[in-house]
Protein backbone atom coordinates (compact mmCIF):
# COMPACT_ATOMS: atom_id res chain seq x y z
CA MET A 1 19.11 -25.49 11.09
CA MET A 2 15.34 -25.91 10.94
CA ASN A 3 12.95 -23.05 11.66
CA ILE A 4 10.11 -23.14 14.17
CA GLU A 5 7.48 -24.17 11.62
CA GLU A 6 9.56 -27.15 10.51
CA VAL A 7 10.08 -28.13 14.15
CA LYS A 8 6.35 -27.94 14.80
CA LYS A 9 5.74 -30.19 11.80
CA ILE A 10 8.10 -32.81 13.25
CA ALA A 11 6.32 -32.60 16.61
CA GLN A 12 2.95 -33.23 14.96
CA ASN A 13 4.21 -36.63 13.76
CA CYS A 14 4.66 -37.92 17.31
CA LEU A 15 2.00 -40.43 18.31
CA ASN A 16 2.67 -39.94 22.03
CA CYS A 17 3.13 -43.69 22.55
CA LYS A 18 2.32 -45.20 25.94
CA ASN A 19 5.65 -47.03 25.90
CA PRO A 20 7.82 -44.76 23.76
CA MET A 21 10.67 -46.73 22.22
CA CYS A 22 12.49 -43.46 21.52
CA VAL A 23 12.87 -42.83 25.25
CA GLN A 24 13.83 -46.43 25.98
CA HIS A 25 16.64 -46.29 23.42
CA CYS A 26 17.91 -42.83 24.39
CA PRO A 27 20.94 -43.24 26.71
CA ILE A 28 19.85 -40.10 28.57
CA ALA A 29 16.14 -41.10 28.47
CA ASN A 30 15.07 -37.67 27.23
CA PRO A 31 11.32 -37.09 27.83
CA ILE A 32 10.74 -36.87 24.09
CA PRO A 33 6.92 -37.15 23.95
CA GLN A 34 6.48 -34.50 26.65
CA ILE A 35 8.85 -32.11 24.89
CA LEU A 36 7.06 -32.61 21.57
CA SER A 37 3.70 -32.16 23.30
CA PHE A 38 4.78 -28.71 24.51
CA ILE A 39 5.80 -27.80 20.96
CA LYS A 40 2.41 -28.92 19.62
CA GLN A 41 0.87 -26.44 22.08
CA ASP A 42 3.21 -23.65 20.93
CA LYS A 43 4.95 -23.76 24.32
CA ILE A 44 8.45 -23.51 22.93
CA LYS A 45 10.04 -22.07 26.06
CA GLU A 46 8.54 -24.84 28.19
CA ALA A 47 9.83 -27.46 25.74
CA SER A 48 13.35 -26.02 25.81
CA ASP A 49 13.28 -25.62 29.58
CA LEU A 50 12.25 -29.26 30.05
CA LEU A 51 15.00 -30.44 27.74
CA PHE A 52 17.63 -28.30 29.50
CA THR A 53 16.48 -29.49 32.93
CA HIS A 54 16.92 -33.07 31.78
CA THR A 55 20.29 -32.58 30.05
CA ASN A 56 22.47 -29.64 29.08
CA ALA A 57 24.33 -31.81 26.52
CA SER A 58 21.82 -31.38 23.68
CA PRO A 59 23.98 -29.04 21.55
CA ILE A 60 26.40 -31.97 21.32
CA CYS A 61 24.22 -35.07 21.47
CA SER A 62 21.78 -33.81 18.84
CA ARG A 63 24.65 -33.81 16.34
CA LEU A 64 26.84 -36.70 17.44
CA CYS A 65 24.50 -39.34 18.85
CA ASP A 66 24.01 -42.52 16.83
CA VAL A 67 20.32 -41.75 16.27
CA GLU A 68 19.88 -44.68 13.86
CA ARG A 69 20.50 -47.03 16.79
CA GLN A 70 18.74 -44.82 19.33
CA CYS A 71 15.66 -42.57 19.25
CA PHE A 72 15.14 -42.12 15.50
CA GLY A 73 15.96 -45.72 14.56
CA ASN A 74 13.55 -47.14 17.12
CA CYS A 75 10.59 -44.83 16.51
CA ILE A 76 7.43 -46.86 15.88
CA LEU A 77 6.95 -44.88 12.65
CA LYS A 78 10.32 -45.93 11.25
CA ASN A 79 8.82 -48.68 9.08
CA ARG A 80 6.58 -46.10 7.40
CA ASN A 81 9.55 -43.79 6.75
CA GLN A 82 7.90 -41.27 9.08
CA ALA A 83 10.15 -41.62 12.14
CA VAL A 84 10.22 -38.53 14.33
CA LYS A 85 13.47 -36.59 13.86
CA PHE A 86 13.80 -35.54 17.48
CA TYR A 87 17.47 -34.77 16.98
CA GLU A 88 16.45 -31.85 14.73
CA VAL A 89 14.08 -30.61 17.42
CA GLU A 90 16.89 -30.92 19.95
CA LYS A 91 19.22 -28.86 17.75
CA PHE A 92 16.62 -26.11 17.49
CA LEU A 93 15.75 -25.98 21.19
CA SER A 94 19.34 -26.09 22.41
CA GLN A 95 20.19 -22.88 20.55
CA SER A 96 18.63 -20.91 23.38
CA PHE A 97 19.83 -22.98 26.34
CA TYR A 98 21.78 -20.03 27.74
CA ASN A 99 18.46 -18.29 28.50
CA TYR A 100 17.22 -20.89 30.93
CA PRO A 101 19.47 -21.60 33.93
CA SER A 102 18.65 -19.61 37.03
CA VAL A 103 21.17 -19.69 39.87
CA ASN A 104 19.87 -20.72 43.28
CA ALA A 105 21.23 -19.03 46.39
CA SER A 106 24.86 -19.91 47.02
CA ASN A 107 25.37 -22.83 49.38
CA GLN A 108 28.92 -21.69 50.18
CA LYS A 109 30.49 -24.92 48.92
CA ASP A 110 33.27 -25.05 46.36
CA VAL A 111 33.57 -27.65 43.62
CA ALA A 112 36.65 -28.31 41.49
CA ILE A 113 36.15 -30.09 38.18
CA ILE A 114 39.16 -31.45 36.33
CA GLY A 115 38.47 -31.53 32.61
CA ALA A 116 36.27 -29.36 30.38
CA GLY A 117 34.88 -32.05 28.08
CA ILE A 118 31.20 -32.95 27.90
CA SER A 119 31.05 -34.64 31.33
CA GLY A 120 32.98 -31.86 33.07
CA LEU A 121 30.89 -29.13 31.45
CA SER A 122 27.64 -30.97 32.23
CA CYS A 123 28.57 -31.30 35.91
CA ALA A 124 29.74 -27.68 36.10
CA ILE A 125 26.54 -26.23 34.63
CA ASP A 126 24.21 -28.34 36.78
CA LEU A 127 26.14 -27.65 39.98
CA ALA A 128 26.50 -23.92 39.34
CA SER A 129 22.74 -23.80 38.68
CA CYS A 130 22.28 -25.33 42.15
CA GLY A 131 24.33 -22.60 43.80
CA TYR A 132 27.75 -24.23 44.05
CA THR A 133 30.87 -22.18 43.37
CA VAL A 134 32.44 -24.10 40.49
CA SER A 135 35.99 -24.00 39.12
CA ILE A 136 37.07 -25.98 36.06
CA PHE A 137 40.71 -26.92 35.49
CA GLU A 138 41.47 -27.70 31.84
CA LYS A 139 44.83 -28.80 30.41
CA SER A 140 44.35 -27.15 26.99
CA ASN A 141 43.50 -23.57 26.05
CA GLN A 142 39.82 -24.20 25.31
CA ILE A 143 36.74 -26.00 26.59
CA GLY A 144 35.14 -28.95 24.82
CA GLY A 145 37.68 -31.74 25.18
CA VAL A 146 37.75 -33.92 22.06
CA LEU A 147 35.04 -31.74 20.51
CA ALA A 148 37.53 -28.91 20.24
CA GLN A 149 40.76 -30.86 19.96
CA THR A 150 40.21 -33.87 17.71
CA ILE A 151 36.74 -34.26 16.18
CA PRO A 152 36.88 -32.96 12.59
CA SER A 153 35.01 -29.80 11.66
CA PHE A 154 33.01 -31.67 9.01
CA ARG A 155 31.45 -33.63 11.85
CA PHE A 156 31.15 -30.99 14.59
CA ASP A 157 31.45 -27.21 14.28
CA THR A 158 33.25 -25.87 17.37
CA LYS A 159 31.23 -22.65 17.07
CA LEU A 160 28.44 -24.70 18.63
CA LEU A 161 30.41 -24.57 21.89
CA ASP A 162 29.54 -20.87 22.11
CA VAL A 163 26.41 -21.75 24.07
CA TYR A 164 28.63 -23.30 26.75
CA HIS A 165 30.81 -20.19 26.89
CA GLN A 166 27.62 -18.18 27.48
CA LEU A 167 26.44 -20.59 30.17
CA ILE A 168 29.84 -20.47 31.90
CA GLU A 169 29.74 -16.67 31.95
CA LYS A 170 26.14 -16.47 33.10
CA LEU A 171 26.64 -18.98 35.91
CA GLY A 172 29.90 -17.48 37.12
CA ILE A 173 31.94 -20.61 36.50
CA GLN A 174 35.68 -19.98 36.63
CA VAL A 175 37.81 -21.82 34.06
CA TYR A 176 41.55 -22.18 34.54
CA TYR A 177 43.38 -23.21 31.36
CA HIS A 178 46.75 -24.94 30.86
CA LYS A 179 46.28 -26.94 34.07
CA GLU A 180 47.41 -30.50 33.40
CA TRP A 181 46.70 -33.01 36.14
CA GLY A 182 49.92 -34.51 37.49
CA TYR A 183 52.23 -32.17 35.51
CA ASN A 184 51.66 -28.56 36.58
CA PHE A 185 48.51 -29.11 38.62
CA PHE A 186 48.52 -31.38 41.68
CA LEU A 187 46.42 -32.80 44.49
CA GLU A 188 47.69 -30.20 46.96
CA ASP A 189 46.33 -27.45 44.69
CA LEU A 190 42.81 -28.65 45.55
CA CYS A 191 43.00 -28.32 49.34
CA ASN A 192 40.40 -25.51 49.40
CA TYR A 193 37.72 -27.53 47.60
CA LYS A 194 35.26 -29.76 49.41
CA TYR A 195 34.21 -31.64 46.26
CA ILE A 196 36.53 -32.66 43.42
CA ILE A 197 35.20 -34.22 40.22
CA MET A 198 37.59 -36.06 37.91
CA ALA A 199 36.31 -35.69 34.33
CA LEU A 200 39.51 -36.19 32.36
CA GLY A 201 38.12 -38.50 29.69
CA THR A 202 40.16 -41.14 27.87
CA SER A 203 43.35 -39.75 26.39
CA LEU A 204 45.55 -42.82 25.94
CA SER A 205 45.34 -44.66 22.62
CA LYS A 206 45.53 -48.44 22.64
CA ASN A 207 47.86 -50.13 20.19
CA VAL A 208 48.28 -53.63 18.78
CA LEU A 209 51.40 -53.21 16.64
CA HIS A 210 55.00 -52.40 17.55
CA ARG A 211 55.78 -48.69 17.34
CA ASN A 212 57.63 -47.41 14.28
CA ALA A 213 57.94 -44.23 12.24
CA TYR A 214 55.17 -45.27 9.83
CA LEU A 215 52.69 -46.30 12.51
CA LEU A 216 50.59 -43.37 13.66
CA ASN A 217 48.19 -42.75 16.51
CA GLY A 218 44.59 -41.92 15.56
CA LEU A 219 44.13 -39.13 18.11
CA ASP A 220 47.45 -37.57 17.11
CA VAL A 221 46.44 -37.57 13.44
CA LEU A 222 43.13 -35.85 14.25
CA SER A 223 44.79 -33.34 16.58
CA GLN A 224 47.43 -32.43 13.99
CA ALA A 225 44.78 -32.17 11.28
CA LYS A 226 42.82 -29.74 13.49
CA LYS A 227 45.93 -27.60 13.64
CA GLN A 228 46.45 -27.99 9.87
CA ASN A 229 49.80 -29.51 10.69
CA ILE A 230 49.69 -32.84 8.87
CA SER A 231 51.62 -33.50 5.66
CA ILE A 232 50.49 -36.99 4.60
CA SER A 233 49.13 -36.74 1.07
CA LYS A 234 48.84 -38.97 -2.01
CA LYS A 235 49.73 -42.04 0.08
CA LYS A 236 48.02 -45.36 0.73
CA VAL A 237 46.99 -45.39 4.37
CA LEU A 238 45.46 -48.22 6.39
CA VAL A 239 43.31 -47.22 9.36
CA ILE A 240 42.85 -50.01 11.90
CA GLY A 241 39.57 -49.98 13.80
CA GLY A 242 35.81 -49.78 13.35
CA GLY A 243 34.75 -47.04 15.75
CA ASN A 244 34.07 -43.35 15.33
CA VAL A 245 37.73 -42.39 15.79
CA ALA A 246 38.68 -44.72 12.93
CA MET A 247 35.98 -43.17 10.72
CA ASP A 248 37.08 -39.64 11.61
CA VAL A 249 40.71 -40.48 10.83
CA ALA A 250 39.85 -42.17 7.54
CA ARG A 251 37.60 -39.33 6.35
CA THR A 252 40.18 -36.73 7.39
CA LEU A 253 42.99 -38.47 5.50
CA LYS A 254 40.74 -38.94 2.46
CA ARG A 255 40.27 -35.17 2.36
CA LEU A 256 44.06 -34.85 2.16
CA ASP A 257 44.06 -36.79 -1.12
CA ASN A 258 45.12 -40.16 0.27
CA GLN A 259 43.91 -43.62 -0.71
CA VAL A 260 42.37 -44.85 2.54
CA HIS A 261 41.39 -48.34 3.65
CA ILE A 262 39.74 -49.21 6.96
CA VAL A 263 40.94 -52.57 8.25
CA TYR A 264 38.51 -54.05 10.76
CA ARG A 265 38.31 -57.47 12.41
CA ARG A 266 34.53 -57.63 12.02
CA ASP A 267 32.33 -56.57 9.09
CA ILE A 268 30.58 -53.25 8.50
CA PRO A 269 27.21 -54.24 10.12
CA ASN A 270 29.09 -55.15 13.30
CA ALA A 271 31.23 -52.01 13.48
CA PRO A 272 30.58 -49.82 16.55
CA ALA A 273 30.84 -46.51 14.67
CA ASN A 274 27.71 -44.42 14.13
CA LYS A 275 25.78 -45.71 11.13
CA LYS A 276 25.77 -42.23 9.62
CA GLU A 277 29.56 -42.08 9.88
CA ILE A 278 29.92 -45.41 8.10
CA VAL A 279 27.55 -44.45 5.29
CA GLU A 280 29.35 -41.16 4.71
CA ALA A 281 32.76 -42.88 4.75
CA LEU A 282 31.58 -45.28 2.06
CA GLU A 283 30.11 -42.44 0.00
CA GLU A 284 33.45 -40.62 0.19
CA GLY A 285 35.27 -43.56 -1.35
CA ILE A 286 36.89 -45.12 1.70
CA ILE A 287 37.47 -48.84 1.23
CA PHE A 288 36.54 -51.27 4.00
CA ASP A 289 38.70 -54.39 4.35
CA GLU A 290 36.42 -56.49 6.53
CA CYS A 291 37.08 -59.42 8.87
CA LEU A 292 40.83 -58.78 8.92
CA ALA A 293 42.93 -58.31 12.06
CA PRO A 294 46.43 -56.77 12.01
CA SER A 295 49.30 -59.18 12.63
CA LYS A 296 52.56 -57.36 11.89
CA CYS A 297 54.10 -54.58 9.82
CA ILE A 298 56.11 -55.50 6.73
CA PHE A 299 59.31 -53.57 5.94
CA GLU A 300 61.71 -53.41 3.07
CA ASN A 301 64.98 -51.50 3.46
CA HIS A 302 63.67 -50.09 6.74
CA ARG A 303 60.58 -48.64 5.04
CA LEU A 304 57.02 -49.80 5.58
CA ILE A 305 55.59 -51.51 2.53
CA GLY A 306 52.60 -53.37 3.94
CA LEU A 307 50.62 -54.96 6.74
CA GLU A 308 50.16 -58.66 7.37
CA VAL A 309 46.60 -59.43 8.46
CA GLU A 310 44.79 -62.53 9.62
CA LYS A 311 41.37 -63.48 8.31
CA MET A 312 38.69 -63.58 11.00
CA GLU A 313 35.54 -65.71 11.07
CA LEU A 314 32.41 -64.13 12.56
CA ILE A 315 30.32 -66.17 14.97
CA THR A 316 27.04 -65.41 16.71
CA ASP A 317 27.27 -64.47 20.37
CA GLU A 318 23.99 -64.69 22.28
CA SER A 319 25.28 -62.31 24.96
CA SER A 320 26.00 -59.48 22.49
CA HIS A 321 24.20 -57.61 19.72
CA ARG A 322 27.40 -57.81 17.71
CA LYS A 323 28.95 -60.93 16.26
CA MET A 324 32.20 -62.13 17.78
CA PHE A 325 35.25 -63.18 15.79
CA LYS A 326 37.72 -66.02 15.88
CA LYS A 327 41.09 -66.53 14.22
CA THR A 328 41.37 -68.72 11.14
CA GLY A 329 45.15 -68.95 10.76
CA GLN A 330 44.86 -67.59 7.20
CA TYR A 331 47.10 -64.63 6.45
CA GLN A 332 47.42 -62.11 3.64
CA GLU A 333 49.29 -58.87 2.99
CA ILE A 334 47.97 -55.39 2.22
CA ASP A 335 50.43 -52.91 0.75
CA CYS A 336 50.55 -49.43 2.28
CA ASP A 337 52.70 -46.39 3.06
CA TYR A 338 51.32 -45.61 6.53
CA ILE A 339 49.20 -47.29 9.19
CA VAL A 340 47.02 -45.46 11.71
CA GLU A 341 45.81 -47.30 14.81
CA ALA A 342 42.37 -46.32 16.12
CA VAL A 343 41.51 -49.39 18.17
CA GLY A 344 40.28 -47.85 21.40
CA LEU A 345 41.10 -45.44 24.21
CA ASP A 346 41.98 -45.71 27.90
CA ALA A 347 41.98 -43.24 30.77
CA ASP A 348 45.31 -42.09 32.16
CA TYR A 349 45.29 -43.01 35.85
CA THR A 350 49.06 -42.68 36.37
CA TYR A 351 49.06 -39.69 38.72
CA LEU A 352 45.77 -40.50 40.46
CA LYS A 353 47.02 -43.97 41.42
CA LYS A 354 50.07 -42.38 43.03
CA VAL A 355 48.19 -39.87 45.15
CA LEU A 356 44.86 -41.68 45.76
CA PRO A 357 45.55 -45.42 45.55
CA ASP A 358 42.40 -46.21 47.54
CA PHE A 359 40.33 -44.86 44.66
CA PHE A 360 41.10 -48.10 42.77
CA ASP A 361 40.10 -51.72 43.24
CA GLU A 362 42.38 -54.75 43.04
CA THR A 363 41.96 -54.93 39.24
CA GLY A 364 43.22 -51.36 38.74
CA TRP A 365 39.84 -49.80 37.93
CA ILE A 366 38.21 -46.96 39.85
CA ILE A 367 36.06 -48.40 42.63
CA LYS A 368 32.47 -49.08 41.60
CA GLU A 369 31.04 -46.47 43.98
CA GLY A 370 32.69 -43.77 41.87
CA TYR A 371 33.69 -41.63 44.85
CA LEU A 372 36.24 -41.57 47.67
CA LYS A 373 36.03 -39.61 50.92
CA ILE A 374 39.31 -38.37 52.40
CA GLY A 375 38.90 -36.24 55.52
CA GLN A 376 36.60 -33.34 54.67
CA GLN A 377 37.03 -33.80 50.91
CA ILE A 378 35.11 -36.08 48.55
CA PHE A 379 36.55 -37.11 45.19
CA PHE A 380 34.29 -38.25 42.33
CA ALA A 381 35.06 -39.81 38.94
CA THR A 382 32.68 -39.30 36.05
CA GLY A 383 32.23 -39.68 32.31
CA ASP A 384 34.66 -41.78 30.30
CA TYR A 385 37.29 -41.35 33.02
CA PHE A 386 35.11 -43.57 35.21
CA MET A 387 33.35 -45.94 32.81
CA GLY A 388 35.89 -46.15 29.98
CA ALA A 389 35.54 -44.87 26.43
CA SER A 390 31.90 -44.59 25.40
CA ASN A 391 29.67 -42.11 23.56
CA PHE A 392 28.76 -38.52 24.40
CA ALA A 393 25.27 -39.38 25.62
CA ASN A 394 26.58 -41.94 28.11
CA ALA A 395 29.15 -39.42 29.35
CA ALA A 396 26.38 -36.85 29.90
CA LYS A 397 24.20 -39.47 31.60
CA LEU A 398 26.95 -40.39 34.05
CA ALA A 399 27.67 -36.71 34.73
CA LYS A 400 24.04 -36.31 35.78
CA LYS A 401 24.39 -39.27 38.16
CA THR A 402 27.56 -37.77 39.61
CA VAL A 403 25.80 -34.48 40.34
CA LYS A 404 22.96 -36.35 42.05
CA LEU A 405 25.47 -38.36 44.11
CA LEU A 406 27.34 -35.20 45.15
CA GLU A 407 24.07 -33.59 46.21
CA GLU A 408 23.48 -36.48 48.62
CA PHE A 409 26.58 -35.40 50.56
CA LYS A 410 25.43 -31.79 50.89
């Protein structure tokens, strides 16, 4: 962690551009020049207060955002190797976030938030700061969602969630643990709440291969590794996917003394994972098998011995910043002991569709308005649960929009 003098030095580099590219490429649109201007004037409290007012997700985003594609990578000084490291400033300022929220007078309205991941926590803190009585219902025994349950410690230290525990205590937010939506926690349990926010994230892993004993789920691997309950070692493992979950799985398994290959249908430059994650995976000795898509598992005597893959050809797509792929009909085999799928995540709408079918459109997605009014209650969907799997900054951005939308019904 940088000290105040180092942070001031970073702030001095900012040119205070008229059209700051850093802000334009920040999913949350943090007011970066204004924050840095406060720091230049030694107004550290004002800088931190402005950042907190704009987003309470900085303890997370400053460490997990893909800054090479966002603020840092688009700074006008990047070509001179002098790009402003705002993410370091954000880390420093967010240490003291718990000092800043002041609770307005209670408005006598209760809010229930289902899920204690980044979007649920963001909504809870903003609403409690506005005087709402907020209760969070979380299925696990801790806040943080994937931050606490699956993301490896080498990428995010869960001690950083302490600031959220302090905010929860200061703002009087009540957290109920072991409350799983649709299992031991139901719609009728929410009858005393005027506003209900669904912030359950994306918990269902997609798959492309037929299930078998040697085919593992990426989230399960990360969850078991968090609990130090995984026994795969000295094996050759193929990880299918090119996103952050795939990188986390590969780097976790590499630390368990496995030979790890990432199999991805595009090439490295077109992978959606954070650039930093990719660089570190390569440095750690993980092998990338590019432009290969899984076709089927290969068995011998009922034991997995390999994966058949099809060669993909990359083609330019004018509608996307990433190249698309097409099949070539050319196949090859990669030998392996295990395969881990990390090809995307979906939200689990099973129970919600049963009890609130009008919350969904004809295609099965939550209605575009993002809310549903039933009698005196209003239900909202936010974060990945609403928009599908994305990054932490987008989840925090949508949470902010949800709070603003809820305020319109006050």
